[in-house]
Each structure stands twice: as structure tokens, then as C-alpha cells.
Amino acid sequence: MSVESPHSTQGRAQRLMRTLIGPLPLAVTMIGALGSLMPWLGFSSYAQTLAYYTAYFLALGQAWNLMSGMTGYVSFCHGALAAIGSYAAVLTINADWPLIAGLAAGSLAAGLASLLIGATSLRLRGTSFTFATLFFQALMLLAVRKLPSIGGAGGIVLQEIFPAWLPHVAMMATAVVSTIVIAVLRQARTGIRLLAIKGDEDAAAAAGIDTTSMKITLFFASASLAGLVGAVHAVFAASLYPDVVFSVTVSLNALAVPLIGGVGTAAGPIVGAALYVIIREVLQIIAPGLHLVIVGLLILAVVLFFRDGLAPAAMRGIRSLLSSDRRSS
């Protein structure tokens, strides 16, 4: 058994600390803090709603990014996982449990649901996982619509009224923490192992990495984060309708945000979420119902011309400009 030297442990701890106090986590924390204060800074309800949905899509995109961006296993069920979190939270709160218990129940329920998919499909390679997530997404919508005990096709309503600022602040915090988690994970040894699985899973397994356990564990964490996002959003929305929350559109949103901004990066979903909300708002005015078509075309353009996303492409452009300025001076 290999023994890790104190120097390597100390070096890794220093790298993680530099990541935590690096430009991205600090900037995200400051923006999240400002966004959290919007209800008390005189911003309009419209501005607060835009900020909320940007944080919502960011957090949901980072949940997808945590699994699919780090391993390369594409999920089409993160919308369903978030919906499970929403339903679990509402049912828990309606049973006279406190809000924190509802949020925890939402996160845990989605995490446990991920084990139904991951424990079988993640032991296989190829597209098995992707097809399993598609099947799960469709199955959950059908199941919830047929269960009158949780509202059936008519949905369910949150019986307790919370102040409007509460889900706003909670979603901002979720978006900030999820982004920092991705940034730190990429620098940690676990993140390096996950990227090794993404690059060549056979080689990673040959190097002694337990790829199956890591994938199942990461999917559980990713689903738990999606469930938390759904639980917070349930408090914001107050009314849940299965055809809306279990719609495949939500899963496509979770996938689109990192694809636009940059899969597997911490900054990518920030760019993707902001751009997605802008496109969504503009198209609701000039072309209602076409935003998914436009987003699909945008994803296609990004894949063709900016293969790793807009955020990494922008960083390369900035570095190129800085280096050319140094040479000219």
C-alpha cells in the first residue's frame, strides 16, 4: 500500500486553498451576496426574478456539470431529479415539518432516486447510462400523474406561505456553493481521477481507480444537488404541476447551460446561465415558444466553433490579447 508523503498532502491543501480564495470563487461569492441583497436594495420585482432564474439555471447546470461534465456520462434526467426534490420538499413541509427538513428531504430523495439509475447503468459503458436517464425521465412523469396521493395530474400546492426573499436568498447561496464545489473538485485528487475516467475509463481502471464506485457516488452527489435546487424552487413556485416540473425541457435546460458556457468548468455554467436567461427573456417577447429552437442552434454553433464552450474560448482570447500586448511592448 502506497503512503502519501506529507509534502504532497501539504501541496494539495495549498492548491485547494488557492482555489478557494482565487478570483472565480471570490467573484461568484461577491455577486451572489449582491444578488441576495436585491430584495432590500430597491431592485424591481422583474430584476429580482431575472436574478433568481439566473441562479436557478446556474445551480441546476452545475448539478449536471458535477456528473456529466466531470465524467462524460451524459444525463437527461436532472430535471426529473430536481422535480423529485420539489415534490419531496412540498410533501415534507405540508406534513408540518420545518423548511430545513423539507430542503433536506428534497436533496435526499433525489440522491436516493439516482441510485436506482446509477447502481445498474453505471456498471456498464457506452450509452447505457444516457438511455437509462431518458427512460427514468419519462417514467417519473407517468408515475406522478397516476398517483392521486401526491396530487396526480392536478399537481400539488405548498400550504405554508414563506416570505419572497427566502427562496431568492437560498437559490443564490445554492448557486454560489455549487460553483465553488466544481472549482475545488477540479483541483482535488478526486477531480483528477474523475477527469481520468472521462478521458479514458479503461486506462483509469487499469491504474487502480474504482471507476464504478466513483461514478455512482458522484451521481448521488449530483442528484442530491439537483434535488436541493428543486426543493428551493418549490418554495419559490409554491404550486407544482407534473407536466411542468417533470418536463424534459427542464433536463434540457440543465444540459444546455454547461454546453453553452463550457462543460466540466466552474465558470462555463455562469456564462451559460446568464446567456440562457437573456435569450429566454428576449424570445418571450419577439418569438414566444421558440427559445428551445434558438438555444439548440446556439449549442450547435458553440460545438462547431467553440468546441469546449464560450467561457474557455473567451479565456483563450484574453490570454492571447495579453501575450500580444506584452510582445508589442
Protein backbone atom coordinates (compact mmCIF):
# COMPACT_ATOMS: atom_id res chain seq x y z
CA MET A 1 0.00 0.00 0.00
CA SER A 2 1.42 3.35 -1.01
CA VAL A 3 1.87 6.01 1.67
CA GLU A 4 1.31 9.60 0.67
CA SER A 5 4.10 11.95 1.68
CA PRO A 6 3.36 14.91 3.95
CA HIS A 7 4.78 17.22 1.27
CA SER A 8 2.29 16.06 -1.37
CA THR A 9 -0.60 16.37 1.11
CA GLN A 10 0.52 19.86 2.08
CA GLY A 11 0.95 20.86 -1.56
CA ARG A 12 -2.54 19.69 -2.45
CA ALA A 13 -4.00 21.52 0.55
CA GLN A 14 -2.25 24.69 -0.58
CA ARG A 15 -3.62 24.32 -4.12
CA LEU A 16 -7.13 23.84 -2.78
CA MET A 17 -6.76 26.90 -0.55
CA ARG A 18 -5.53 28.97 -3.50
CA THR A 19 -8.58 27.78 -5.45
CA LEU A 20 -10.96 28.76 -2.64
CA ILE A 21 -9.55 32.27 -2.42
CA GLY A 22 -8.98 32.54 -6.17
CA PRO A 23 -10.61 35.09 -8.48
CA LEU A 24 -13.56 32.92 -9.53
CA PRO A 25 -14.82 31.84 -6.07
CA LEU A 26 -14.36 35.35 -4.71
CA ALA A 27 -16.16 36.93 -7.69
CA VAL A 28 -19.01 34.40 -7.53
CA THR A 29 -19.37 34.92 -3.77
CA MET A 30 -19.49 38.70 -4.15
CA ILE A 31 -22.02 38.55 -6.98
CA GLY A 32 -24.11 36.03 -5.04
CA ALA A 33 -24.03 38.26 -1.95
CA LEU A 34 -25.14 41.25 -4.00
CA GLY A 35 -27.87 39.17 -5.61
CA SER A 36 -29.05 38.02 -2.19
CA LEU A 37 -29.42 41.62 -1.08
CA MET A 38 -31.54 42.65 -4.06
CA PRO A 39 -34.88 42.41 -2.14
CA TRP A 40 -33.57 45.07 0.28
CA LEU A 41 -31.73 47.28 -2.24
CA GLY A 42 -34.77 48.57 -4.06
CA PHE A 43 -34.50 46.41 -7.18
CA SER A 44 -37.73 45.82 -9.09
CA SER A 45 -39.56 42.51 -8.89
CA TYR A 46 -38.65 41.88 -12.54
CA ALA A 47 -34.93 42.35 -11.86
CA GLN A 48 -35.15 40.05 -8.84
CA THR A 49 -36.92 37.41 -10.91
CA LEU A 50 -34.22 37.56 -13.60
CA ALA A 51 -31.53 37.22 -10.95
CA TYR A 52 -33.36 34.32 -9.33
CA TYR A 53 -33.71 32.39 -12.59
CA THR A 54 -30.08 33.03 -13.47
CA ALA A 55 -29.09 31.49 -10.12
CA TYR A 56 -31.61 28.66 -10.64
CA PHE A 57 -30.25 27.72 -14.08
CA LEU A 58 -26.68 28.11 -12.81
CA ALA A 59 -27.24 25.78 -9.85
CA LEU A 60 -29.12 23.24 -11.99
CA GLY A 61 -26.42 23.42 -14.66
CA GLN A 62 -23.69 22.88 -12.07
CA ALA A 63 -25.58 19.85 -10.76
CA TRP A 64 -25.50 18.38 -14.28
CA ASN A 65 -21.89 19.51 -14.67
CA LEU A 66 -20.87 17.71 -11.50
CA MET A 67 -21.76 14.34 -13.06
CA SER A 68 -21.75 14.69 -16.82
CA GLY A 69 -19.10 17.38 -17.08
CA MET A 70 -16.64 15.54 -14.85
CA THR A 71 -17.16 12.01 -16.19
CA GLY A 72 -18.52 12.38 -19.71
CA TYR A 73 -21.65 10.34 -18.88
CA VAL A 74 -24.50 12.43 -20.33
CA SER A 75 -27.63 12.66 -18.19
CA PHE A 76 -31.09 13.54 -19.48
CA CYS A 77 -32.87 13.22 -16.12
CA HIS A 78 -31.62 16.09 -13.96
CA GLY A 79 -34.94 17.85 -14.49
CA ALA A 80 -36.74 14.81 -13.08
CA LEU A 81 -34.30 14.67 -10.15
CA ALA A 82 -34.98 18.34 -9.39
CA ALA A 83 -38.73 17.64 -9.63
CA ILE A 84 -38.38 14.77 -7.15
CA GLY A 85 -36.70 17.24 -4.81
CA SER A 86 -39.55 19.70 -5.34
CA TYR A 87 -42.25 17.15 -4.55
CA ALA A 88 -40.38 15.75 -1.54
CA ALA A 89 -39.91 19.23 -0.11
CA VAL A 90 -43.56 20.22 -0.54
CA LEU A 91 -44.86 16.94 0.92
CA THR A 92 -42.50 17.27 3.90
CA ILE A 93 -43.42 20.90 4.61
CA ASN A 94 -47.13 20.17 4.15
CA ALA A 95 -46.72 17.46 6.81
CA ASP A 96 -45.81 20.26 9.28
CA TRP A 97 -42.06 19.71 9.16
CA PRO A 98 -39.82 22.83 9.15
CA LEU A 99 -38.42 24.30 5.95
CA ILE A 100 -34.91 22.97 6.55
CA ALA A 101 -36.32 19.45 6.81
CA GLY A 102 -38.15 19.95 3.52
CA LEU A 103 -34.95 21.07 1.76
CA ALA A 104 -33.04 18.12 3.23
CA ALA A 105 -35.80 15.71 2.21
CA GLY A 106 -35.74 17.05 -1.34
CA SER A 107 -32.00 16.62 -1.62
CA LEU A 108 -32.02 13.13 -0.09
CA ALA A 109 -34.98 11.90 -2.17
CA ALA A 110 -33.26 12.88 -5.42
CA GLY A 111 -30.00 11.30 -4.26
CA LEU A 112 -31.72 8.02 -3.45
CA ALA A 113 -33.54 8.10 -6.79
CA SER A 114 -30.19 8.38 -8.56
CA LEU A 115 -29.15 5.05 -7.05
CA LEU A 116 -31.97 3.35 -8.96
CA ILE A 117 -30.36 4.50 -12.19
CA GLY A 118 -26.70 4.51 -11.29
CA ALA A 119 -26.42 1.19 -9.46
CA THR A 120 -27.25 -0.65 -12.69
CA SER A 121 -26.45 1.54 -15.69
CA LEU A 122 -23.17 2.98 -14.39
CA ARG A 123 -21.68 -0.51 -14.17
CA LEU A 124 -21.87 -0.60 -17.97
CA ARG A 125 -20.03 1.50 -20.53
CA GLY A 126 -21.23 3.44 -23.53
CA THR A 127 -24.73 4.87 -23.85
CA SER A 128 -26.45 2.65 -21.26
CA PHE A 129 -26.50 5.45 -18.69
CA THR A 130 -27.89 8.01 -21.15
CA PHE A 131 -30.74 5.71 -22.21
CA ALA A 132 -31.47 4.85 -18.57
CA THR A 133 -31.80 8.56 -17.70
CA LEU A 134 -34.15 9.14 -20.66
CA PHE A 135 -36.32 6.23 -19.57
CA PHE A 136 -36.32 7.46 -15.95
CA GLN A 137 -37.36 10.97 -17.03
CA ALA A 138 -40.38 9.64 -18.93
CA LEU A 139 -41.27 7.07 -16.27
CA MET A 140 -41.35 9.62 -13.46
CA LEU A 141 -43.78 11.87 -15.34
CA LEU A 142 -46.14 8.97 -15.98
CA ALA A 143 -45.88 7.70 -12.39
CA VAL A 144 -46.55 11.06 -10.72
CA ARG A 145 -49.54 11.78 -12.98
CA LYS A 146 -51.09 8.45 -11.89
CA LEU A 147 -50.61 8.95 -8.13
CA PRO A 148 -53.57 10.78 -6.58
CA SER A 149 -51.92 10.66 -3.15
CA ILE A 150 -49.43 13.30 -4.32
CA GLY A 151 -51.86 15.31 -6.42
CA GLY A 152 -51.88 13.30 -9.63
CA ALA A 153 -52.12 15.23 -12.89
CA GLY A 154 -53.52 18.23 -10.99
CA GLY A 155 -50.31 18.78 -9.10
CA ILE A 156 -49.69 19.83 -5.52
CA VAL A 157 -49.67 23.15 -3.67
CA LEU A 158 -47.38 24.29 -0.86
CA GLN A 159 -49.67 25.03 2.09
CA GLU A 160 -47.28 27.29 4.00
CA ILE A 161 -46.51 30.79 2.77
CA PHE A 162 -42.88 31.90 3.04
CA PRO A 163 -41.51 35.41 2.52
CA ALA A 164 -40.45 36.07 -1.09
CA TRP A 165 -36.86 36.83 -0.13
CA LEU A 166 -36.29 33.38 1.39
CA PRO A 167 -36.14 31.22 -1.80
CA HIS A 168 -34.32 34.09 -3.54
CA VAL A 169 -31.51 34.07 -0.98
CA ALA A 170 -31.47 30.27 -0.78
CA MET A 171 -31.10 29.89 -4.56
CA MET A 172 -28.30 32.46 -4.65
CA ALA A 173 -26.47 30.53 -1.93
CA THR A 174 -27.02 27.23 -3.75
CA ALA A 175 -25.64 28.65 -6.99
CA VAL A 176 -22.56 30.06 -5.26
CA VAL A 177 -21.78 26.90 -3.30
CA SER A 178 -22.31 24.61 -6.31
CA THR A 179 -19.93 26.71 -8.42
CA ILE A 180 -17.24 26.69 -5.72
CA VAL A 181 -17.64 22.91 -5.34
CA ILE A 182 -16.90 22.42 -9.04
CA ALA A 183 -13.90 24.77 -8.88
CA VAL A 184 -12.44 22.95 -5.86
CA LEU A 185 -13.22 19.49 -7.19
CA ARG A 186 -11.28 20.14 -10.39
CA GLN A 187 -8.17 20.82 -8.30
CA ALA A 188 -8.64 17.93 -5.86
CA ARG A 189 -7.25 14.44 -6.38
CA THR A 190 -10.81 13.12 -6.73
CA GLY A 191 -11.43 15.55 -9.57
CA ILE A 192 -8.25 14.47 -11.33
CA ARG A 193 -9.39 10.85 -11.08
CA LEU A 194 -12.79 11.76 -12.48
CA LEU A 195 -11.21 13.57 -15.41
CA ALA A 196 -9.09 10.47 -15.97
CA ILE A 197 -12.30 8.43 -16.19
CA LYS A 198 -13.66 10.96 -18.68
CA GLY A 199 -10.52 10.79 -20.78
CA ASP A 200 -10.05 7.00 -20.85
CA GLU A 201 -12.07 4.90 -18.42
CA ASP A 202 -10.25 1.67 -19.27
CA ALA A 203 -6.88 3.27 -18.58
CA ALA A 204 -8.21 4.76 -15.33
CA ALA A 205 -9.44 1.34 -14.19
CA ALA A 206 -6.10 -0.21 -15.12
CA ALA A 207 -4.39 2.43 -12.96
CA GLY A 208 -6.36 1.19 -9.94
CA ILE A 209 -9.24 3.68 -9.87
CA ASP A 210 -12.55 2.15 -8.79
CA THR A 211 -14.44 3.79 -11.63
CA THR A 212 -17.86 2.27 -10.86
CA SER A 213 -17.91 3.37 -7.22
CA MET A 214 -16.70 6.85 -8.12
CA LYS A 215 -19.37 7.28 -10.81
CA ILE A 216 -22.19 6.07 -8.55
CA THR A 217 -21.02 8.30 -5.68
CA LEU A 218 -20.66 11.31 -7.92
CA PHE A 219 -24.08 10.76 -9.48
CA PHE A 220 -25.56 10.59 -5.98
CA ALA A 221 -23.92 13.93 -5.11
CA SER A 222 -25.01 15.45 -8.43
CA ALA A 223 -28.60 14.25 -7.96
CA SER A 224 -28.67 15.49 -4.35
CA LEU A 225 -27.64 18.94 -5.56
CA ALA A 226 -30.34 18.84 -8.25
CA GLY A 227 -32.86 17.80 -5.59
CA LEU A 228 -31.84 20.75 -3.41
CA VAL A 229 -32.27 23.10 -6.36
CA GLY A 230 -35.73 21.63 -6.97
CA ALA A 231 -36.65 21.93 -3.28
CA VAL A 232 -35.72 25.61 -3.17
CA HIS A 233 -37.57 26.22 -6.43
CA ALA A 234 -40.69 24.56 -4.98
CA VAL A 235 -40.73 27.17 -2.21
CA PHE A 236 -40.41 29.87 -4.87
CA ALA A 237 -43.09 28.44 -7.18
CA ALA A 238 -45.46 27.19 -4.41
CA SER A 239 -47.51 25.20 -6.97
CA LEU A 240 -46.18 22.10 -8.72
CA TYR A 241 -47.68 20.58 -11.85
CA PRO A 242 -46.15 17.31 -13.11
CA ASP A 243 -46.34 18.26 -16.79
CA VAL A 244 -44.22 21.32 -15.98
CA VAL A 245 -41.69 20.19 -13.38
CA PHE A 246 -41.17 16.73 -14.92
CA SER A 247 -40.99 18.10 -18.44
CA VAL A 248 -37.94 17.05 -20.44
CA THR A 249 -37.43 20.76 -21.11
CA VAL A 250 -36.05 21.18 -17.58
CA SER A 251 -33.50 18.44 -18.21
CA LEU A 252 -32.55 20.08 -21.50
CA ASN A 253 -32.05 23.37 -19.65
CA ALA A 254 -29.70 21.65 -17.20
CA LEU A 255 -27.71 20.28 -20.12
CA ALA A 256 -27.78 23.44 -22.26
CA VAL A 257 -26.28 25.77 -19.66
CA PRO A 258 -22.92 23.96 -19.33
CA LEU A 259 -22.79 23.10 -23.04
CA ILE A 260 -23.06 26.77 -23.96
CA GLY A 261 -20.65 28.06 -21.33
CA GLY A 262 -18.18 25.19 -21.04
CA VAL A 263 -18.65 21.59 -19.89
CA GLY A 264 -16.55 20.47 -16.95
CA THR A 265 -15.56 24.00 -15.95
CA ALA A 266 -16.74 26.07 -13.00
CA ALA A 267 -17.06 29.30 -15.00
CA GLY A 268 -18.83 27.79 -18.01
CA PRO A 269 -22.31 27.41 -16.46
CA ILE A 270 -22.11 31.01 -15.18
CA VAL A 271 -21.77 32.26 -18.75
CA GLY A 272 -24.32 29.71 -19.98
CA ALA A 273 -26.93 30.60 -17.36
CA ALA A 274 -26.64 34.34 -17.94
CA LEU A 275 -26.83 33.94 -21.71
CA TYR A 276 -29.72 31.48 -21.48
CA VAL A 277 -31.81 33.82 -19.31
CA ILE A 278 -31.17 36.72 -21.71
CA ILE A 279 -32.18 34.63 -24.74
CA ARG A 280 -35.22 33.31 -22.90
CA GLU A 281 -36.45 36.77 -21.96
CA VAL A 282 -35.86 38.29 -25.38
CA LEU A 283 -37.56 35.44 -27.22
CA GLN A 284 -40.58 35.54 -24.91
CA ILE A 285 -41.19 39.00 -26.35
CA ILE A 286 -40.31 38.56 -30.02
CA ALA A 287 -40.81 34.83 -30.63
CA PRO A 288 -42.68 33.02 -27.84
CA GLY A 289 -42.19 29.27 -27.83
CA LEU A 290 -39.05 29.31 -29.97
CA HIS A 291 -36.44 29.69 -27.25
CA LEU A 292 -35.57 25.97 -27.25
CA VAL A 293 -35.03 26.08 -31.02
CA ILE A 294 -32.75 29.09 -30.71
CA VAL A 295 -30.89 27.56 -27.78
CA GLY A 296 -30.44 24.37 -29.79
CA LEU A 297 -28.96 26.38 -32.67
CA LEU A 298 -26.71 28.21 -30.21
CA ILE A 299 -25.46 24.90 -28.78
CA LEU A 300 -24.77 23.66 -32.31
CA ALA A 301 -22.81 26.82 -33.10
CA VAL A 302 -20.81 26.52 -29.88
CA VAL A 303 -19.99 22.87 -30.59
CA LEU A 304 -18.89 23.71 -34.14
CA PHE A 305 -16.89 26.87 -33.48
CA PHE A 306 -16.08 26.85 -29.73
CA ARG A 307 -15.72 23.18 -29.02
CA ASP A 308 -15.16 23.48 -25.26
CA GLY A 309 -17.66 26.30 -24.67
CA LEU A 310 -17.76 30.08 -24.62
CA ALA A 311 -16.00 30.61 -21.27
CA PRO A 312 -12.80 28.70 -22.16
CA ALA A 313 -12.82 30.35 -25.62
CA ALA A 314 -13.09 33.79 -24.02
CA MET A 315 -10.22 33.00 -21.63
CA ARG A 316 -8.03 31.92 -24.55
CA GLY A 317 -8.86 35.13 -26.36
CA ILE A 318 -7.98 37.24 -23.31
CA ARG A 319 -4.68 35.41 -22.80
CA SER A 320 -3.84 35.82 -26.48
CA LEU A 321 -4.50 39.56 -26.33
CA LEU A 322 -2.41 39.95 -23.18
CA SER A 323 0.51 37.99 -24.64
CA SER A 324 0.40 40.01 -27.89
CA ASP A 325 0.40 43.26 -25.86
CA ARG A 326 3.48 42.10 -23.94
CA ARG A 327 5.32 41.22 -27.17
CA SER A 328 4.45 44.57 -28.76
CA SER A 329 5.63 46.49 -25.69
